[in-house]
Amino acid sequence: MTDKSELLRQLRIERDARPAESASSRRLWWWLAGVLVLLIALGAAAFFGLRSSAPAVKVAVARAAVSGAGGHAGTSILDASGYVVARRQATVSAKITGKLSQLFIEEGVHVKEGDVVAKLDDRNATAALLQAKAGVTQAESTLLQAKAAAADIAPIYARDRKLAAAGVISSTALDQSKANFDAKQTDVAVAQGNLAVRRAALEIAQRDLDDTTVRAPFTGVVTTKNAQPGEIVSPLSAGGGFTRSGICTLVDMDSLEVEVDVSENFISRVHADEPATLKLNAYPDWSIPAYVIAVVPTADRSKATVKVRVGFKSRDPRILPEMGARVSFLSGAQSAGNGSTGAVTLPPDAVQTSGAGTATGVVYVLHEDTLERREVKLGARNSDAQTVLAGLSAGERVAVGDFTKLSDGAHVKVVDR
């Protein structure tokens, strides 16, 4: 019995051991699952945290720059501001001092070369002319008298020479006759000189009278009227008095051009006879074909600029002196066919520059949500677009955002495509 009982006890299964072991395993699996969930949560938090801290950017697409109207000009390589000026402009004044009696012009009146602009009081000049004419008449009479006396004494002197040769009269009598003859010849010469002086005085008096009539020196438009009838005008300044030194200002509208100051750092981009376009501040939507007349060969040390003269290819009455203008200097290069160039345009805020007029800049090219920092060569810049001459291709996407938060290889969050 004892042996059987022992044998049965050995064959009996311990049912409490397996449940204990199963409970321990379950606790281990629950612990592992909790750690896994925690790791997933931490990863998700890190992922979304990084995405939330990534800088937000907008996207701008580089577009190919297209040549100007008619395909005759390339893309803008440089912009500069200046003013419309007249190369031919004059303050019209009288050559003599006098009282203005008549005025025949007003502002905006077109006059031709030689037209009468004004007249001065000519009474004194007319009197002086009459006096000069009388002097000429008197000198002419004196000359006639001297010539007559010289003609009368000539045969007497000739006769005395014959008599002296024959010994009829003495040498002393001959010398006296010769002296009388020479005196009469001298009187003729003096009378001729006096007549010349009188005639010169007459010419001066005539010119003084002519100078009381003020004429236009060239064809143009009167822009200002500086004197009124009754005022004293003079070619010289009276220094604090009421004398007018000018009657009006005349401008030759065919001589209008634009003068701009170009930074000496970029003057190498501008050359004579190259095409350009300009826009007047008064007409910002009007593009005017232009060309470079000349680069003035001197620099302004105070502004570090060089003056450039730009001419209009066509004239228009809307173009007026002293108007503000914006000039875009164009590159002559363009591709055959569609007229496109290698340059592209971007919004101005898509390009990081170190200052106005810089030749290079930085853009951040987007590859999915990663940035690539790239240096580019810049062209003209205005309120609407920045021209990129090299370093960027048409169709590439560029980030627009806070440049202080952008860097090469950084991840960004695109908020607007």
Protein backbone atom coordinates (compact mmCIF):
# COMPACT_ATOMS: atom_id res chain seq x y z
CA MET A 1 0.00 0.00 0.00
CA THR A 2 2.74 2.28 0.91
CA ASP A 3 4.50 1.65 -2.33
CA LYS A 4 1.33 2.12 -4.37
CA SER A 5 0.47 5.30 -2.60
CA GLU A 6 3.88 6.67 -3.25
CA LEU A 7 3.69 5.69 -6.88
CA LEU A 8 0.32 7.39 -7.32
CA ARG A 9 1.61 10.55 -5.65
CA GLN A 10 4.49 10.70 -8.09
CA LEU A 11 2.15 10.34 -11.05
CA ARG A 12 -0.14 13.15 -9.82
CA ILE A 13 0.05 16.45 -11.80
CA GLU A 14 0.78 19.62 -9.83
CA ARG A 15 -2.00 21.86 -11.18
CA ASP A 16 -1.00 25.05 -9.26
CA ALA A 17 2.50 25.32 -10.90
CA ARG A 18 1.28 26.03 -14.48
CA PRO A 19 -1.03 28.85 -13.55
CA ALA A 20 1.76 30.52 -11.61
CA GLU A 21 4.09 30.21 -14.56
CA SER A 22 1.43 31.55 -16.99
CA ALA A 23 0.76 34.60 -14.83
CA SER A 24 4.46 35.49 -14.79
CA SER A 25 4.66 35.21 -18.57
CA ARG A 26 1.61 37.39 -19.01
CA ARG A 27 3.11 40.05 -16.80
CA LEU A 28 6.31 39.96 -18.89
CA TRP A 29 4.38 40.34 -22.16
CA TRP A 30 2.34 43.21 -20.76
CA TRP A 31 5.55 44.95 -19.72
CA LEU A 32 7.09 44.50 -23.15
CA ALA A 33 3.92 45.79 -24.82
CA GLY A 34 3.94 48.85 -22.58
CA VAL A 35 7.55 49.61 -23.44
CA LEU A 36 6.77 49.25 -27.15
CA VAL A 37 3.77 51.58 -26.90
CA LEU A 38 5.89 54.09 -24.99
CA LEU A 39 8.58 53.97 -27.66
CA ILE A 40 5.96 54.45 -30.39
CA ALA A 41 4.48 57.37 -28.51
CA LEU A 42 7.89 58.95 -28.00
CA GLY A 43 8.75 58.49 -31.68
CA ALA A 44 5.46 59.98 -32.78
CA ALA A 45 5.92 62.90 -30.41
CA ALA A 46 9.44 63.48 -31.70
CA PHE A 47 8.29 63.23 -35.33
CA PHE A 48 5.38 65.58 -34.93
CA GLY A 49 7.45 67.85 -32.71
CA LEU A 50 10.12 68.16 -35.37
CA ARG A 51 7.48 68.83 -38.03
CA SER A 52 5.83 71.45 -35.90
CA SER A 53 9.20 73.18 -35.30
CA ALA A 54 10.16 73.14 -39.00
CA PRO A 55 9.94 76.64 -40.54
CA ALA A 56 6.90 77.31 -42.67
CA VAL A 57 7.63 78.44 -46.24
CA LYS A 58 5.75 79.28 -49.36
CA VAL A 59 6.79 78.13 -52.81
CA ALA A 60 7.74 80.27 -55.81
CA VAL A 61 8.42 78.77 -59.22
CA ALA A 62 11.21 80.23 -61.36
CA ARG A 63 9.81 81.40 -64.67
CA ALA A 64 11.80 81.97 -67.84
CA ALA A 65 12.44 85.62 -68.63
CA VAL A 66 11.08 86.66 -72.00
CA SER A 67 12.55 89.36 -74.21
CA GLY A 68 10.86 92.71 -74.73
CA ALA A 69 8.18 93.60 -77.20
CA GLY A 70 8.94 92.49 -80.70
CA GLY A 71 11.84 90.39 -79.54
CA HIS A 72 14.34 93.20 -80.09
CA ALA A 73 15.73 93.35 -76.58
CA GLY A 74 16.93 90.84 -74.03
CA THR A 75 16.19 90.60 -70.36
CA SER A 76 16.95 93.40 -67.95
CA ILE A 77 20.42 93.14 -66.43
CA LEU A 78 20.34 96.33 -64.38
CA ASP A 79 17.85 98.94 -63.20
CA ALA A 80 18.58 102.56 -62.32
CA SER A 81 16.57 105.67 -61.49
CA GLY A 82 17.02 109.12 -62.96
CA TYR A 83 15.29 112.15 -64.45
CA VAL A 84 14.32 113.44 -67.85
CA VAL A 85 16.58 116.33 -68.84
CA ALA A 86 16.91 118.57 -71.88
CA ARG A 87 20.30 118.70 -73.54
CA ARG A 88 19.26 121.97 -75.21
CA GLN A 89 17.74 124.48 -72.83
CA ALA A 90 18.27 128.23 -72.56
CA THR A 91 17.24 131.17 -70.43
CA VAL A 92 16.31 133.75 -73.06
CA SER A 93 17.35 137.30 -72.20
CA ALA A 94 18.05 140.60 -73.93
CA LYS A 95 21.61 141.47 -74.94
CA ILE A 96 21.21 144.98 -73.57
CA THR A 97 19.65 146.50 -70.49
CA GLY A 98 16.25 148.02 -71.05
CA LYS A 99 12.61 148.18 -70.07
CA LEU A 100 10.42 145.36 -71.35
CA SER A 101 7.64 146.91 -73.40
CA GLN A 102 6.03 143.91 -75.14
CA LEU A 103 5.92 140.19 -74.40
CA PHE A 104 4.67 137.70 -76.99
CA ILE A 105 4.96 134.34 -75.18
CA GLU A 106 3.30 132.36 -72.41
CA GLU A 107 4.17 129.07 -70.71
CA GLY A 108 3.61 126.11 -73.00
CA VAL A 109 3.81 128.10 -76.24
CA HIS A 110 5.77 126.54 -79.10
CA VAL A 111 8.11 128.95 -80.86
CA LYS A 112 10.36 128.56 -83.88
CA GLU A 113 13.92 129.74 -84.25
CA GLY A 114 13.92 133.48 -84.97
CA ASP A 115 10.39 134.15 -83.70
CA VAL A 116 10.01 137.39 -81.72
CA VAL A 117 9.71 136.63 -78.02
CA ALA A 118 9.69 140.15 -76.58
CA LYS A 119 10.54 143.78 -77.34
CA LEU A 120 12.27 146.39 -75.21
CA ASP A 121 11.62 150.11 -75.17
CA ASP A 122 13.53 151.23 -78.28
CA ARG A 123 13.15 155.01 -78.08
CA ASN A 124 16.71 155.65 -76.88
CA ALA A 125 18.11 153.17 -79.37
CA THR A 126 16.15 154.79 -82.20
CA ALA A 127 17.47 158.24 -81.26
CA ALA A 128 21.01 156.92 -81.09
CA LEU A 129 20.57 155.39 -84.53
CA LEU A 130 19.39 158.70 -85.98
CA GLN A 131 22.38 160.44 -84.42
CA ALA A 132 24.73 157.86 -85.89
CA LYS A 133 23.16 158.28 -89.32
CA ALA A 134 23.63 162.06 -89.08
CA GLY A 135 27.25 161.57 -88.15
CA VAL A 136 27.77 159.38 -91.20
CA THR A 137 26.21 162.01 -93.42
CA GLN A 138 28.44 164.69 -91.96
CA ALA A 139 31.54 162.53 -92.38
CA GLU A 140 30.64 161.82 -95.99
CA SER A 141 30.33 165.58 -96.66
CA THR A 142 33.68 166.28 -95.02
CA LEU A 143 35.27 163.61 -97.16
CA LEU A 144 33.80 165.10 -100.32
CA GLN A 145 35.12 168.53 -99.31
CA ALA A 146 38.59 167.15 -98.63
CA LYS A 147 38.65 165.32 -101.93
CA ALA A 148 37.61 168.47 -103.79
CA ALA A 149 40.37 170.52 -102.14
CA ALA A 150 42.90 167.83 -102.93
CA ALA A 151 41.74 167.74 -106.53
CA ASP A 152 42.05 171.53 -106.82
CA ILE A 153 45.61 171.72 -105.54
CA ALA A 154 46.93 168.84 -107.58
CA PRO A 155 47.35 170.82 -110.88
CA ILE A 156 48.89 173.78 -109.01
CA TYR A 157 51.56 171.54 -107.55
CA ALA A 158 52.19 169.98 -110.96
CA ARG A 159 52.63 173.46 -112.53
CA ASP A 160 54.99 174.62 -109.77
CA ARG A 161 57.17 171.60 -110.35
CA LYS A 162 57.52 172.55 -114.03
CA LEU A 163 58.27 176.17 -113.19
CA ALA A 164 60.87 175.18 -110.65
CA ALA A 165 62.50 172.92 -113.22
CA ALA A 166 62.64 175.84 -115.66
CA GLY A 167 64.09 178.10 -112.96
CA VAL A 168 61.13 180.42 -112.96
CA ILE A 169 60.34 179.92 -109.25
CA SER A 170 62.64 179.24 -106.37
CA SER A 171 62.99 175.92 -104.57
CA THR A 172 61.41 177.52 -101.53
CA ALA A 173 58.22 178.23 -103.46
CA LEU A 174 58.21 174.64 -104.72
CA ASP A 175 58.55 173.30 -101.18
CA GLN A 176 55.61 175.40 -100.04
CA SER A 177 53.49 174.14 -102.92
CA LYS A 178 54.38 170.54 -102.05
CA ALA A 179 53.45 171.08 -98.39
CA ASN A 180 50.06 172.41 -99.40
CA PHE A 181 49.51 169.40 -101.68
CA ASP A 182 50.47 166.89 -98.95
CA ALA A 183 48.19 168.61 -96.43
CA LYS A 184 45.21 168.24 -98.72
CA GLN A 185 45.98 164.54 -99.24
CA THR A 186 46.19 164.10 -95.49
CA ASP A 187 42.82 165.80 -95.09
CA VAL A 188 41.33 163.25 -97.47
CA ALA A 189 42.80 160.35 -95.46
CA VAL A 190 41.55 161.84 -92.20
CA ALA A 191 38.09 162.35 -93.67
CA GLN A 192 38.01 158.74 -94.87
CA GLY A 193 38.98 157.49 -91.42
CA ASN A 194 36.37 159.66 -89.77
CA LEU A 195 33.75 158.30 -92.14
CA ALA A 196 34.73 154.74 -91.25
CA VAL A 197 34.35 155.55 -87.55
CA ARG A 198 30.94 157.10 -88.15
CA ARG A 199 29.81 154.10 -90.15
CA ALA A 200 30.96 151.73 -87.37
CA ALA A 201 29.03 153.81 -84.86
CA LEU A 202 26.00 153.55 -87.11
CA GLU A 203 26.32 149.76 -87.19
CA ILE A 204 26.57 149.66 -83.40
CA ALA A 205 23.51 151.87 -83.09
CA GLN A 206 21.65 149.64 -85.54
CA ARG A 207 22.58 146.54 -83.56
CA ASP A 208 21.50 148.21 -80.32
CA LEU A 209 18.16 148.87 -81.93
CA ASP A 210 17.96 145.30 -83.19
CA ASP A 211 18.81 144.03 -79.71
CA THR A 212 15.66 145.61 -78.37
CA THR A 213 13.87 142.80 -80.21
CA VAL A 214 14.43 139.45 -78.42
CA ARG A 215 14.15 136.39 -80.68
CA ALA A 216 14.04 132.66 -79.97
CA PRO A 217 17.51 131.12 -80.36
CA PHE A 218 16.09 127.74 -81.42
CA THR A 219 12.81 125.92 -81.88
CA GLY A 220 11.27 124.79 -78.62
CA VAL A 221 8.64 125.22 -75.94
CA VAL A 222 8.46 128.00 -73.37
CA THR A 223 8.48 126.38 -69.91
CA THR A 224 8.73 129.46 -67.68
CA LYS A 225 8.02 133.18 -68.05
CA ASN A 226 10.27 135.25 -65.81
CA ALA A 227 9.43 138.89 -66.66
CA GLN A 228 6.44 141.08 -67.34
CA PRO A 229 6.06 144.24 -69.48
CA GLY A 230 7.32 147.31 -67.61
CA GLU A 231 10.14 145.50 -65.81
CA ILE A 232 13.80 146.23 -66.43
CA VAL A 233 15.67 143.28 -67.95
CA SER A 234 19.40 142.90 -68.27
CA PRO A 235 21.86 140.18 -69.31
CA LEU A 236 23.70 140.81 -66.03
CA SER A 237 22.47 140.16 -62.51
CA ALA A 238 21.64 143.34 -60.60
CA GLY A 239 22.61 141.88 -57.22
CA GLY A 240 19.64 142.35 -54.92
CA GLY A 241 17.74 144.76 -57.18
CA PHE A 242 14.58 144.21 -59.16
CA THR A 243 16.24 143.82 -62.55
CA ARG A 244 15.30 140.59 -64.34
CA SER A 245 18.20 138.67 -65.84
CA GLY A 246 15.95 136.45 -67.98
CA ILE A 247 12.70 136.78 -69.87
CA CYS A 248 11.75 133.11 -70.31
CA THR A 249 13.13 129.58 -70.37
CA LEU A 250 13.06 127.74 -73.71
CA VAL A 251 13.43 123.96 -74.00
CA ASP A 252 14.10 121.96 -77.14
CA MET A 253 11.80 118.94 -76.68
CA ASP A 254 13.67 116.98 -79.35
CA SER A 255 16.75 117.00 -77.12
CA LEU A 256 15.11 115.25 -74.15
CA GLU A 257 16.93 112.30 -72.65
CA VAL A 258 17.24 110.55 -69.29
CA GLU A 259 20.23 110.84 -66.99
CA VAL A 260 20.67 108.05 -64.43
CA ASP A 261 23.31 107.35 -61.81
CA VAL A 262 24.64 103.78 -61.95
CA SER A 263 26.69 102.33 -59.12
CA GLU A 264 30.32 102.10 -60.16
CA ASN A 265 30.29 98.44 -59.05
CA PHE A 266 27.97 97.59 -61.95
CA ILE A 267 28.93 100.14 -64.59
CA SER A 268 30.70 97.36 -66.51
CA ARG A 269 27.26 96.03 -67.47
CA VAL A 270 26.34 99.20 -69.35
CA HIS A 271 27.67 100.02 -72.81
CA ALA A 272 26.88 102.65 -75.43
CA ASP A 273 24.23 101.82 -78.08
CA GLU A 274 22.83 98.92 -76.05
CA PRO A 275 19.01 98.67 -75.78
CA ALA A 276 17.05 99.73 -72.75
CA THR A 277 13.48 100.36 -71.66
CA LEU A 278 12.28 103.02 -69.30
CA LYS A 279 9.14 103.86 -67.41
CA LEU A 280 8.15 107.30 -66.26
CA ASN A 281 6.92 107.64 -62.71
CA ALA A 282 3.91 109.48 -64.10
CA TYR A 283 3.06 106.55 -66.42
CA PRO A 284 4.22 103.37 -64.65
CA ASP A 285 2.46 101.04 -67.13
CA TRP A 286 4.05 102.62 -70.22
CA SER A 287 7.28 100.96 -71.39
CA ILE A 288 9.27 103.29 -73.63
CA PRO A 289 11.94 101.88 -75.97
CA ALA A 290 15.30 103.52 -75.34
CA TYR A 291 19.02 103.10 -75.88
CA VAL A 292 22.25 104.04 -74.13
CA ILE A 293 23.70 107.23 -75.62
CA ALA A 294 26.91 107.29 -73.62
CA VAL A 295 28.52 106.46 -70.32
CA VAL A 296 29.98 109.71 -69.01
CA PRO A 297 33.68 108.93 -68.32
CA THR A 298 33.82 110.24 -64.77
CA ALA A 299 32.55 109.10 -61.38
CA ASP A 300 30.95 110.94 -58.50
CA ARG A 301 33.14 110.19 -55.48
CA SER A 302 30.47 111.29 -53.00
CA LYS A 303 27.89 108.82 -54.36
CA ALA A 304 30.21 106.23 -55.97
CA THR A 305 28.15 106.41 -59.15
CA VAL A 306 28.71 107.02 -62.85
CA LYS A 307 26.30 109.07 -64.94
CA VAL A 308 24.72 107.35 -67.95
CA ARG A 309 22.80 109.14 -70.72
CA VAL A 310 19.80 107.27 -72.12
CA GLY A 311 17.97 108.39 -75.26
CA PHE A 312 14.41 107.86 -76.45
CA LYS A 313 13.84 105.86 -79.63
CA SER A 314 10.62 107.75 -80.26
CA ARG A 315 9.26 111.10 -79.12
CA ASP A 316 6.01 111.64 -77.30
CA PRO A 317 4.40 114.83 -75.97
CA ARG A 318 3.81 113.12 -72.62
CA ILE A 319 7.55 113.09 -71.94
CA LEU A 320 8.41 116.27 -70.05
CA PRO A 321 11.62 117.65 -68.53
CA GLU A 322 12.40 116.79 -64.90
CA MET A 323 10.07 113.78 -64.83
CA GLY A 324 11.30 110.86 -62.75
CA ALA A 325 12.15 107.73 -64.71
CA ARG A 326 13.21 104.13 -64.09
CA VAL A 327 15.57 102.67 -66.69
CA SER A 328 16.10 98.95 -67.31
CA PHE A 329 19.28 98.17 -69.22
CA LEU A 330 18.75 95.13 -71.43
CA SER A 331 21.10 92.37 -72.48
CA GLY A 332 21.40 91.87 -76.21
CA ALA A 333 21.54 88.08 -75.88
CA GLN A 334 18.43 86.09 -76.68
CA SER A 335 17.69 82.61 -77.98
CA ALA A 336 16.48 82.08 -81.49
CA GLY A 337 12.86 81.09 -81.93
CA ASN A 338 10.77 82.00 -78.91
CA GLY A 339 12.92 84.87 -77.75
CA SER A 340 13.51 83.39 -74.29
CA THR A 341 16.82 83.84 -72.48
CA GLY A 342 18.69 81.80 -69.89
CA ALA A 343 17.50 84.15 -67.18
CA VAL A 344 14.51 83.50 -64.92
CA THR A 345 12.36 85.70 -62.73
CA LEU A 346 11.29 85.23 -59.12
CA PRO A 347 9.34 87.28 -56.62
CA PRO A 348 11.71 89.75 -54.93
CA ASP A 349 11.14 88.19 -51.49
CA ALA A 350 12.34 84.78 -52.76
CA VAL A 351 15.94 86.02 -53.11
CA GLN A 352 18.23 86.88 -50.21
CA THR A 353 20.55 89.80 -50.99
CA SER A 354 23.08 91.74 -48.97
CA GLY A 355 21.77 95.12 -50.13
CA ALA A 356 20.34 97.12 -53.00
CA GLY A 357 22.20 96.75 -56.26
CA THR A 358 24.14 93.60 -55.28
CA ALA A 359 25.31 91.35 -58.11
CA THR A 360 24.77 88.01 -56.36
CA GLY A 361 22.21 86.55 -53.99
CA VAL A 362 21.06 83.34 -52.35
CA VAL A 363 17.98 81.22 -52.97
CA TYR A 364 16.79 78.06 -51.24
CA VAL A 365 15.71 75.43 -53.76
CA LEU A 366 13.08 72.97 -52.58
CA HIS A 367 13.52 69.21 -53.01
CA GLU A 368 10.31 67.78 -51.51
CA ASP A 369 10.58 69.28 -47.99
CA THR A 370 14.37 69.69 -47.93
CA LEU A 371 16.26 72.88 -48.79
CA GLU A 372 19.32 73.37 -50.97
CA ARG A 373 21.18 76.65 -50.52
CA ARG A 374 22.32 78.04 -53.88
CA GLU A 375 24.10 81.24 -54.91
CA VAL A 376 22.75 82.96 -58.02
CA LYS A 377 23.76 85.89 -60.23
CA LEU A 378 21.24 88.71 -60.11
CA GLY A 379 19.96 91.08 -62.75
CA ALA A 380 17.38 93.81 -62.57
CA ARG A 381 15.06 94.09 -59.59
CA ASN A 382 11.81 95.97 -59.20
CA SER A 383 8.73 95.80 -57.02
CA ASP A 384 7.29 92.92 -59.05
CA ALA A 385 10.17 90.63 -59.91
CA GLN A 386 13.84 89.85 -59.43
CA THR A 387 15.73 88.69 -62.51
CA VAL A 388 18.18 85.83 -61.95
CA LEU A 389 20.78 85.67 -64.71
CA ALA A 390 22.54 82.44 -63.70
CA GLY A 391 22.38 79.68 -61.11
CA LEU A 392 18.71 78.76 -61.43
CA SER A 393 16.64 77.06 -64.11
CA ALA A 394 13.08 77.68 -65.15
CA GLY A 395 10.62 75.44 -63.31
CA GLU A 396 12.68 74.98 -60.15
CA ARG A 397 10.86 75.59 -56.89
CA VAL A 398 12.22 78.13 -54.43
CA ALA A 399 11.30 78.63 -50.78
CA VAL A 400 9.89 81.98 -49.71
CA GLY A 401 10.06 82.62 -46.00
CA ASP A 402 12.14 83.92 -43.11
CA PHE A 403 15.73 83.57 -44.33
CA THR A 404 17.06 83.60 -40.76
CA LYS A 405 15.37 80.23 -40.20
CA LEU A 406 16.47 78.63 -43.48
CA SER A 407 19.68 76.70 -44.01
CA ASP A 408 21.19 74.17 -46.38
CA GLY A 409 19.69 70.71 -45.83
CA ALA A 410 16.99 71.94 -43.43
CA HIS A 411 13.50 70.45 -43.46
CA VAL A 412 10.62 72.84 -43.96
CA LYS A 413 6.85 72.80 -43.91
CA VAL A 414 5.25 73.97 -47.14
CA VAL A 415 2.13 75.97 -46.35
CA ASP A 416 1.32 77.41 -49.76
CA ARG A 417 2.08 76.02 -53.18
